[in-house]
């Protein structure tokens, strides 16, 4: 599966979590702390960095609860660093 499809799927899931409220790419990029251009390139599949591919392969080796733990830990670290 191409990375652009994963980005689109996750984008859609995030919209569903917000009760179907649409989120444009510009706002999603802002929430993620990256430029609109970068997010747009990922979304279109025109830029697929090796790090993203490797990260997905690594996450595929983990169980669901392990992935959730890592994601939550990263979220907490981000909150601490951005205080």
PDB file of N, CA and C in Angstrom:
ATOM      1  N   UNK A   1       0.846  -1.187   0.000  1.00  0.00           N
ATOM      2  CA  UNK A   1       0.000   0.000   0.000  1.00  0.00           C
ATOM      3  C   UNK A   1       0.885   1.241   0.000  1.00  0.00           C
ATOM      4  N   UNK A   2       0.533   2.190  -0.824  1.00  0.00           N
ATOM      5  CA  UNK A   2       1.287   3.433  -0.879  1.00  0.00           C
ATOM      6  C   UNK A   2       0.995   4.281   0.357  1.00  0.00           C
ATOM      7  N   UNK A   3       1.989   5.046   0.765  1.00  0.00           N
ATOM      8  CA  UNK A   3       1.842   5.885   1.952  1.00  0.00           C
ATOM      9  C   UNK A   3       0.717   6.895   1.820  1.00  0.00           C
ATOM     10  N   UNK A   4       0.461   7.394   0.618  1.00  0.00           N
ATOM     11  CA  UNK A   4      -0.596   8.395   0.461  1.00  0.00           C
ATOM     12  C   UNK A   4      -1.949   7.827   0.890  1.00  0.00           C
ATOM     13  N   UNK A   5      -2.163   6.554   0.679  1.00  0.00           N
ATOM     14  CA  UNK A   5      -3.433   5.956   1.094  1.00  0.00           C
ATOM     15  C   UNK A   5      -3.524   5.863   2.613  1.00  0.00           C
ATOM     16  N   UNK A   6      -2.398   5.619   3.259  1.00  0.00           N
ATOM     17  CA  UNK A   6      -2.386   5.583   4.720  1.00  0.00           C
ATOM     18  C   UNK A   6      -2.664   6.973   5.268  1.00  0.00           C
ATOM     19  N   UNK A   7      -2.027   7.994   4.692  1.00  0.00           N
ATOM     20  CA  UNK A   7      -2.294   9.366   5.125  1.00  0.00           C
ATOM     21  C   UNK A   7      -3.766   9.715   4.959  1.00  0.00           C
ATOM     22  N   UNK A   8      -4.334   9.378   3.811  1.00  0.00           N
ATOM     23  CA  UNK A   8      -5.737   9.692   3.555  1.00  0.00           C
ATOM     24  C   UNK A   8      -6.654   8.957   4.525  1.00  0.00           C
ATOM     25  N   UNK A   9      -6.329   7.700   4.819  1.00  0.00           N
ATOM     26  CA  UNK A   9      -7.149   6.916   5.745  1.00  0.00           C
ATOM     27  C   UNK A   9      -7.094   7.501   7.148  1.00  0.00           C
ATOM     28  N   UNK A  10      -5.900   7.836   7.618  1.00  0.00           N
ATOM     29  CA  UNK A  10      -5.767   8.412   8.957  1.00  0.00           C
ATOM     30  C   UNK A  10      -6.457   9.769   9.021  1.00  0.00           C
ATOM     31  N   UNK A  11      -6.297  10.578   7.974  1.00  0.00           N
ATOM     32  CA  UNK A  11      -6.967  11.872   7.908  1.00  0.00           C
ATOM     33  C   UNK A  11      -8.481  11.679   8.053  1.00  0.00           C
ATOM     34  N   UNK A  12      -9.022  10.702   7.340  1.00  0.00           N
ATOM     35  CA  UNK A  12     -10.466  10.422   7.415  1.00  0.00           C
ATOM     36  C   UNK A  12     -10.880   9.965   8.802  1.00  0.00           C
ATOM     37  N   UNK A  13     -10.074   9.113   9.442  1.00  0.00           N
ATOM     38  CA  UNK A  13     -10.390   8.652  10.789  1.00  0.00           C
ATOM     39  C   UNK A  13     -10.421   9.812  11.773  1.00  0.00           C
ATOM     40  N   UNK A  14      -9.473  10.732  11.636  1.00  0.00           N
ATOM     41  CA  UNK A  14      -9.444  11.890  12.522  1.00  0.00           C
ATOM     42  C   UNK A  14     -10.704  12.732  12.317  1.00  0.00           C
ATOM     43  N   UNK A  15     -11.123  12.889  11.076  1.00  0.00           N
ATOM     44  CA  UNK A  15     -12.360  13.631  10.799  1.00  0.00           C
ATOM     45  C   UNK A  15     -13.561  12.928  11.438  1.00  0.00           C
ATOM     46  N   UNK A  16     -13.601  11.609  11.359  1.00  0.00           N
ATOM     47  CA  UNK A  16     -14.714  10.852  11.951  1.00  0.00           C
ATOM     48  C   UNK A  16     -14.755  11.009  13.464  1.00  0.00           C
ATOM     49  N   UNK A  17     -13.573  11.060  14.088  1.00  0.00           N
ATOM     50  CA  UNK A  17     -13.517  11.265  15.536  1.00  0.00           C
ATOM     51  C   UNK A  17     -14.132  12.597  15.925  1.00  0.00           C
ATOM     52  N   UNK A  18     -14.109  13.532  15.003  1.00  0.00           N
ATOM     53  CA  UNK A  18     -14.665  14.867  15.264  1.00  0.00           C
ATOM     54  C   UNK A  18     -16.082  14.963  14.717  1.00  0.00           C
ATOM     55  N   UNK A  19     -16.763  13.843  14.735  1.00  0.00           N
ATOM     56  CA  UNK A  19     -18.161  13.747  14.314  1.00  0.00           C
ATOM     57  C   UNK A  19     -18.373  14.262  12.894  1.00  0.00           C
ATOM     58  N   UNK A  20     -17.464  13.846  12.004  1.00  0.00           N
ATOM     59  CA  UNK A  20     -17.618  14.159  10.599  1.00  0.00           C
ATOM     60  C   UNK A  20     -17.222  15.567  10.197  1.00  0.00           C
ATOM     61  N   UNK A  21     -16.721  16.352  11.145  1.00  0.00           N
ATOM     62  CA  UNK A  21     -16.310  17.719  10.810  1.00  0.00           C
ATOM     63  C   UNK A  21     -15.086  17.659   9.905  1.00  0.00           C
ATOM     64  N   UNK A  22     -15.193  18.273   8.740  1.00  0.00           N
ATOM     65  CA  UNK A  22     -14.109  18.261   7.768  1.00  0.00           C
ATOM     66  C   UNK A  22     -12.895  19.031   8.288  1.00  0.00           C
ATOM     67  N   UNK A  23     -11.720  18.511   7.980  1.00  0.00           N
ATOM     68  CA  UNK A  23     -10.475  19.168   8.332  1.00  0.00           C
ATOM     69  C   UNK A  23      -9.682  19.305   7.037  1.00  0.00           C
ATOM     70  N   UNK A  24      -9.407  20.532   6.642  1.00  0.00           N
ATOM     71  CA  UNK A  24      -8.634  20.679   5.416  1.00  0.00           C
ATOM     72  C   UNK A  24      -7.158  20.396   5.700  1.00  0.00           C
ATOM     73  N   UNK A  25      -6.409  20.209   4.626  1.00  0.00           N
ATOM     74  CA  UNK A  25      -5.002  19.848   4.768  1.00  0.00           C
ATOM     75  C   UNK A  25      -4.203  20.935   5.488  1.00  0.00           C
ATOM     76  N   UNK A  26      -4.557  22.172   5.255  1.00  0.00           N
ATOM     77  CA  UNK A  26      -3.841  23.275   5.898  1.00  0.00           C
ATOM     78  C   UNK A  26      -3.994  23.210   7.416  1.00  0.00           C
ATOM     79  N   UNK A  27      -5.215  22.982   7.893  1.00  0.00           N
ATOM     80  CA  UNK A  27      -5.452  22.887   9.339  1.00  0.00           C
ATOM     81  C   UNK A  27      -4.822  21.633   9.942  1.00  0.00           C
ATOM     82  N   UNK A  28      -4.856  20.532   9.195  1.00  0.00           N
ATOM     83  CA  UNK A  28      -4.239  19.300   9.691  1.00  0.00           C
ATOM     84  C   UNK A  28      -2.733  19.508   9.837  1.00  0.00           C
ATOM     85  N   UNK A  29      -2.119  20.144   8.851  1.00  0.00           N
ATOM     86  CA  UNK A  29      -0.683  20.418   8.915  1.00  0.00           C
ATOM     87  C   UNK A  29      -0.358  21.282  10.133  1.00  0.00           C
ATOM     88  N   UNK A  30      -1.186  22.284  10.374  1.00  0.00           N
ATOM     89  CA  UNK A  30      -0.971  23.173  11.520  1.00  0.00           C
ATOM     90  C   UNK A  30      -1.059  22.394  12.824  1.00  0.00           C
ATOM     91  N   UNK A  31      -2.052  21.517  12.939  1.00  0.00           N
ATOM     92  CA  UNK A  31      -2.193  20.701  14.142  1.00  0.00           C
ATOM     93  C   UNK A  31      -1.002  19.780  14.348  1.00  0.00           C
ATOM     94  N   UNK A  32      -0.407  19.314  13.256  1.00  0.00           N
ATOM     95  CA  UNK A  32       0.731  18.403  13.338  1.00  0.00           C
ATOM     96  C   UNK A  32       2.057  19.125  13.499  1.00  0.00           C
ATOM     97  N   UNK A  33       2.029  20.449  13.330  1.00  0.00           N
ATOM     98  CA  UNK A  33       3.249  21.227  13.478  1.00  0.00           C
ATOM     99  C   UNK A  33       4.188  21.129  12.286  1.00  0.00           C
ATOM    100  N   UNK A  34       3.617  20.888  11.111  1.00  0.00           N
ATOM    101  CA  UNK A  34       4.420  20.844   9.892  1.00  0.00           C
ATOM    102  C   UNK A  34       3.831  21.830   8.893  1.00  0.00           C
ATOM    103  N   UNK A  35       4.584  22.109   7.844  1.00  0.00           N
ATOM    104  CA  UNK A  35       4.091  23.053   6.854  1.00  0.00           C
ATOM    105  C   UNK A  35       2.980  22.421   6.013  1.00  0.00           C
ATOM    106  N   UNK A  36       2.121  23.277   5.493  1.00  0.00           N
ATOM    107  CA  UNK A  36       1.048  22.814   4.613  1.00  0.00           C
ATOM    108  C   UNK A  36       1.645  22.096   3.404  1.00  0.00           C
ATOM    109  N   UNK A  37       2.718  22.656   2.861  1.00  0.00           N
ATOM    110  CA  UNK A  37       3.333  22.060   1.671  1.00  0.00           C
ATOM    111  C   UNK A  37       3.817  20.636   1.960  1.00  0.00           C
ATOM    112  N   UNK A  38       4.458  20.457   3.095  1.00  0.00           N
ATOM    113  CA  UNK A  38       4.949  19.130   3.471  1.00  0.00           C
ATOM    114  C   UNK A  38       3.796  18.149   3.600  1.00  0.00           C
ATOM    115  N   UNK A  39       2.743  18.549   4.332  1.00  0.00           N
ATOM    116  CA  UNK A  39       1.598  17.655   4.512  1.00  0.00           C
ATOM    117  C   UNK A  39       0.948  17.342   3.169  1.00  0.00           C
ATOM    118  N   UNK A  40       0.800  18.359   2.352  1.00  0.00           N
ATOM    119  CA  UNK A  40       0.178  18.182   1.043  1.00  0.00           C
ATOM    120  C   UNK A  40       0.970  17.195   0.185  1.00  0.00           C
ATOM    121  N   UNK A  41       2.290  17.293   0.240  1.00  0.00           N
ATOM    122  CA  UNK A  41       3.124  16.372  -0.529  1.00  0.00           C
ATOM    123  C   UNK A  41       2.992  14.948  -0.009  1.00  0.00           C
ATOM    124  N   UNK A  42       2.950  14.774   1.303  1.00  0.00           N
ATOM    125  CA  UNK A  42       2.734  13.443   1.871  1.00  0.00           C
ATOM    126  C   UNK A  42       1.370  12.907   1.448  1.00  0.00           C
ATOM    127  N   UNK A  43       0.349  13.747   1.541  1.00  0.00           N
ATOM    128  CA  UNK A  43      -1.028  13.356   1.233  1.00  0.00           C
ATOM    129  C   UNK A  43      -1.164  12.927  -0.227  1.00  0.00           C
ATOM    130  N   UNK A  44      -0.490  13.640  -1.111  1.00  0.00           N
ATOM    131  CA  UNK A  44      -0.549  13.311  -2.546  1.00  0.00           C
ATOM    132  C   UNK A  44       0.378  12.160  -2.917  1.00  0.00           C
ATOM    133  N   UNK A  45       1.307  11.852  -2.030  1.00  0.00           N
ATOM    134  CA  UNK A  45       2.246  10.778  -2.310  1.00  0.00           C
ATOM    135  C   UNK A  45       3.438  11.217  -3.128  1.00  0.00           C
ATOM    136  N   UNK A  46       3.600  12.534  -3.311  1.00  0.00           N
ATOM    137  CA  UNK A  46       4.723  13.011  -4.108  1.00  0.00           C
ATOM    138  C   UNK A  46       6.027  13.039  -3.312  1.00  0.00           C
ATOM    139  N   UNK A  47       5.929  12.961  -1.995  1.00  0.00           N
ATOM    140  CA  UNK A  47       7.120  12.921  -1.148  1.00  0.00           C
ATOM    141  C   UNK A  47       6.929  11.807  -0.134  1.00  0.00           C
ATOM    142  N   UNK A  48       7.765  10.795  -0.226  1.00  0.00           N
ATOM    143  CA  UNK A  48       7.673   9.679   0.701  1.00  0.00           C
ATOM    144  C   UNK A  48       9.050   9.452   1.304  1.00  0.00           C
ATOM    145  N   UNK A  49       9.259  10.073   2.434  1.00  0.00           N
ATOM    146  CA  UNK A  49      10.577   9.958   3.048  1.00  0.00           C
ATOM    147  C   UNK A  49      10.820   8.536   3.545  1.00  0.00           C
ATOM    148  N   UNK A  50      12.061   8.168   3.547  1.00  0.00           N
ATOM    149  CA  UNK A  50      12.445   6.843   4.004  1.00  0.00           C
ATOM    150  C   UNK A  50      12.076   6.644   5.469  1.00  0.00           C
ATOM    151  N   UNK A  51      12.194   7.696   6.270  1.00  0.00           N
ATOM    152  CA  UNK A  51      11.886   7.582   7.697  1.00  0.00           C
ATOM    153  C   UNK A  51      10.440   7.153   7.926  1.00  0.00           C
ATOM    154  N   UNK A  52       9.521   7.698   7.146  1.00  0.00           N
ATOM    155  CA  UNK A  52       8.110   7.340   7.308  1.00  0.00           C
ATOM    156  C   UNK A  52       7.889   5.875   6.952  1.00  0.00           C
ATOM    157  N   UNK A  53       8.498   5.433   5.875  1.00  0.00           N
ATOM    158  CA  UNK A  53       8.357   4.028   5.469  1.00  0.00           C
ATOM    159  C   UNK A  53       8.906   3.093   6.534  1.00  0.00           C
ATOM    160  N   UNK A  54      10.072   3.436   7.058  1.00  0.00           N
ATOM    161  CA  UNK A  54      10.699   2.604   8.078  1.00  0.00           C
ATOM    162  C   UNK A  54       9.866   2.600   9.353  1.00  0.00           C
ATOM    163  N   UNK A  55       9.359   3.769   9.736  1.00  0.00           N
ATOM    164  CA  UNK A  55       8.522   3.856  10.930  1.00  0.00           C
ATOM    165  C   UNK A  55       7.297   2.946  10.812  1.00  0.00           C
ATOM    166  N   UNK A  56       6.644   2.966   9.661  1.00  0.00           N
ATOM    167  CA  UNK A  56       5.472   2.107   9.468  1.00  0.00           C
ATOM    168  C   UNK A  56       5.846   0.626   9.524  1.00  0.00           C
ATOM    169  N   UNK A  57       6.981   0.285   8.963  1.00  0.00           N
ATOM    170  CA  UNK A  57       7.429  -1.111   9.019  1.00  0.00           C
ATOM    171  C   UNK A  57       7.714  -1.516  10.465  1.00  0.00           C
ATOM    172  N   UNK A  58       8.307  -0.599  11.240  1.00  0.00           N
ATOM    173  CA  UNK A  58       8.585  -0.892  12.645  1.00  0.00           C
ATOM    174  C   UNK A  58       7.289  -1.056  13.431  1.00  0.00           C
ATOM    175  N   UNK A  59       6.323  -0.161  13.191  1.00  0.00           N
ATOM    176  CA  UNK A  59       5.040  -0.258  13.892  1.00  0.00           C
ATOM    177  C   UNK A  59       4.319  -1.560  13.548  1.00  0.00           C
ATOM    178  N   UNK A  60       4.503  -2.045  12.341  1.00  0.00           N
ATOM    179  CA  UNK A  60       3.894  -3.309  11.922  1.00  0.00           C
ATOM    180  C   UNK A  60       4.401  -4.494  12.720  1.00  0.00           C
ATOM    181  N   UNK A  61       5.546  -4.377  13.348  1.00  0.00           N
ATOM    182  CA  UNK A  61       6.123  -5.459  14.133  1.00  0.00           C
ATOM    183  C   UNK A  61       5.614  -5.478  15.579  1.00  0.00           C
ATOM    184  N   UNK A  62       4.831  -4.468  15.943  1.00  0.00           N
ATOM    185  CA  UNK A  62       4.332  -4.354  17.309  1.00  0.00           C
ATOM    186  C   UNK A  62       2.878  -4.774  17.411  1.00  0.00           C
ATOM    187  N   UNK A  63       2.488  -5.113  18.619  1.00  0.00           N
ATOM    188  CA  UNK A  63       1.079  -5.402  18.900  1.00  0.00           C
ATOM    189  C   UNK A  63       0.338  -4.087  19.068  1.00  0.00           C
ATOM    190  N   UNK A  64      -0.976  -4.132  18.937  1.00  0.00           N
ATOM    191  CA  UNK A  64      -1.796  -2.920  19.019  1.00  0.00           C
ATOM    192  C   UNK A  64      -1.564  -2.136  20.306  1.00  0.00           C
ATOM    193  N   UNK A  65      -1.522  -2.833  21.441  1.00  0.00           N
ATOM    194  CA  UNK A  65      -1.345  -2.126  22.706  1.00  0.00           C
ATOM    195  C   UNK A  65       0.043  -1.500  22.812  1.00  0.00           C
ATOM    196  N   UNK A  66       1.035  -2.106  22.179  1.00  0.00           N
ATOM    197  CA  UNK A  66       2.374  -1.535  22.181  1.00  0.00           C
ATOM    198  C   UNK A  66       2.432  -0.260  21.340  1.00  0.00           C
ATOM    199  N   UNK A  67       1.744  -0.281  20.210  1.00  0.00           N
ATOM    200  CA  UNK A  67       1.667   0.905  19.360  1.00  0.00           C
ATOM    201  C   UNK A  67       0.975   2.036  20.103  1.00  0.00           C
ATOM    202  N   UNK A  68      -0.123   1.715  20.743  1.00  0.00           N
ATOM    203  CA  UNK A  68      -0.860   2.727  21.508  1.00  0.00           C
ATOM    204  C   UNK A  68       0.020   3.317  22.608  1.00  0.00           C
ATOM    205  N   UNK A  69       0.755   2.472  23.309  1.00  0.00           N
ATOM    206  CA  UNK A  69       1.655   2.947  24.358  1.00  0.00           C
ATOM    207  C   UNK A  69       2.685   3.926  23.797  1.00  0.00           C
ATOM    208  N   UNK A  70       3.303   3.584  22.680  1.00  0.00           N
ATOM    209  CA  UNK A  70       4.328   4.442  22.077  1.00  0.00           C
ATOM    210  C   UNK A  70       3.736   5.768  21.619  1.00  0.00           C
ATOM    211  N   UNK A  71       2.578   5.712  21.006  1.00  0.00           N
ATOM    212  CA  UNK A  71       1.932   6.942  20.534  1.00  0.00           C
ATOM    213  C   UNK A  71       1.577   7.842  21.705  1.00  0.00           C
ATOM    214  N   UNK A  72       1.021   7.277  22.752  1.00  0.00           N
ATOM    215  CA  UNK A  72       0.664   8.076  23.938  1.00  0.00           C
ATOM    216  C   UNK A  72       1.905   8.643  24.617  1.00  0.00           C
ATOM    217  N   UNK A  73       2.974   7.865  24.676  1.00  0.00           N
ATOM    218  CA  UNK A  73       4.218   8.329  25.270  1.00  0.00           C
ATOM    219  C   UNK A  73       4.780   9.507  24.459  1.00  0.00           C
ATOM    220  N   UNK A  74       4.735   9.410  23.152  1.00  0.00           N
ATOM    221  CA  UNK A  74       5.215  10.502  22.294  1.00  0.00           C
ATOM    222  C   UNK A  74       4.365  11.746  22.489  1.00  0.00           C
ATOM    223  N   UNK A  75       3.063  11.558  22.658  1.00  0.00           N
ATOM    224  CA  UNK A  75       2.155  12.681  22.886  1.00  0.00           C
ATOM    225  C   UNK A  75       2.494  13.388  24.199  1.00  0.00           C
ATOM    226  N   UNK A  76       2.762  12.620  25.241  1.00  0.00           N
ATOM    227  CA  UNK A  76       3.120  13.201  26.534  1.00  0.00           C
ATOM    228  C   UNK A  76       4.455  13.940  26.456  1.00  0.00           C
ATOM    229  N   UNK A  77       5.417  13.346  25.772  1.00  0.00           N
ATOM    230  CA  UNK A  77       6.725  13.993  25.627  1.00  0.00           C
ATOM    231  C   UNK A  77       6.574  15.313  24.866  1.00  0.00           C
ATOM    232  N   UNK A  78       5.723  15.324  23.861  1.00  0.00           N
ATOM    233  CA  UNK A  78       5.480  16.547  23.081  1.00  0.00           C
ATOM    234  C   UNK A  78       4.867  17.632  23.952  1.00  0.00           C
ATOM    235  N   UNK A  79       3.943  17.249  24.821  1.00  0.00           N
ATOM    236  CA  UNK A  79       3.327  18.220  25.727  1.00  0.00           C
ATOM    237  C   UNK A  79       4.365  18.821  26.672  1.00  0.00           C
ATOM    238  N   UNK A  80       5.233  17.988  27.192  1.00  0.00           N
ATOM    239  CA  UNK A  80       6.278  18.446  28.127  1.00  0.00           C
ATOM    240  C   UNK A  80       7.242  19.385  27.416  1.00  0.00           C
ATOM    241  N   UNK A  81       7.658  19.023  26.222  1.00  0.00           N
ATOM    242  CA  UNK A  81       8.629  19.834  25.479  1.00  0.00           C
ATOM    243  C   UNK A  81       8.047  21.162  25.010  1.00  0.00           C
ATOM    244  N   UNK A  82       6.744  21.232  24.835  1.00  0.00           N
ATOM    245  CA  UNK A  82       6.115  22.450  24.325  1.00  0.00           C
ATOM    246  C   UNK A  82       5.531  23.346  25.406  1.00  0.00           C
ATOM    247  N   UNK A  83       5.864  23.073  26.650  1.00  0.00           N
ATOM    248  CA  UNK A  83       5.372  23.918  27.756  1.00  0.00           C
ATOM    249  C   UNK A  83       6.108  25.216  27.780  1.00  0.00           C
TER     250      UNK A  83
END
